[in-house]
Amino acid sequence: MNVLVVNASPRRDGNSARLAAASAEGARDAGHTVAVVHLDDHLEHFLRDCRRCRDERGRCTIDDGYERVLRDQVLPAEAIVLATPLYWYGVSGQLKTFFDRMFCFIAASQPDSERFVTGLSGKRLAVLISSEETYPGAALALVHQVQEYARYTHSAFVGVVRGIGNRRGDVELDPADPLDAARELGRTLAERHSTDYRIDTERPASTSRPLT
């Protein structure tokens, strides 16, 4: 698979970056083609009012690296791993802006919006979270946001890894070994199953059978 690992932390050498690197290592070990993007290198502006800042052809005029990353790396990716610190019980500002600005490209006023809608749909998604707080519920809103993004884009949400740490490198000391878990997530991205049962869903008789 073509795998994109997105480091959404403003720190290139922090705990989120370490989790991102571990997942990328695992994906490469499994034979996937892997690219790692540091959002802070490409995002300089928040979402604006599209009615005021589109050009005469309807294209976004926000002049930073976001559109290039979206077109050249996000759309071709078959799987995306999002690595973010837990900031105020949600995603980092960089990752929130990454999601917000997608609107500019999937809106009908974008000339090639159909390409973006198609390219953003049907991926395999996972999230890596670095968190100082150990409370199990602290990251629930963050996970739910990614879950809803997956639902909205008809994508499969296949995994969550959370590492505990405050100072740079602390996730390496987490006894739960989140770096190894992130590495395993990357290695098994293609095989992980995502179920979304409804009341009328046909279910396997045993969980030992493959799930779809």
Foldseek 3Di string as FASTA:
>chain_A
DEEEEEEADPDCQFPLVLLSVLLQLLLVVLVYHYDYYYLNQWDDDADDDQVPAADPLLAHDPDTRLVVCLVPPQLVHQEYEYGAEQDQLAGDPSVVRSVRVLCSQCDPSHPPNVSSLVSNAAHEYEYEYEYQDPPPCSNVVHVVVVVVSCVVRVYADFYYFYAHDDGGPCSCVGPVNSSVVSSVCSNCSVPGDGDDDDPPDDDDPDPVDDDD
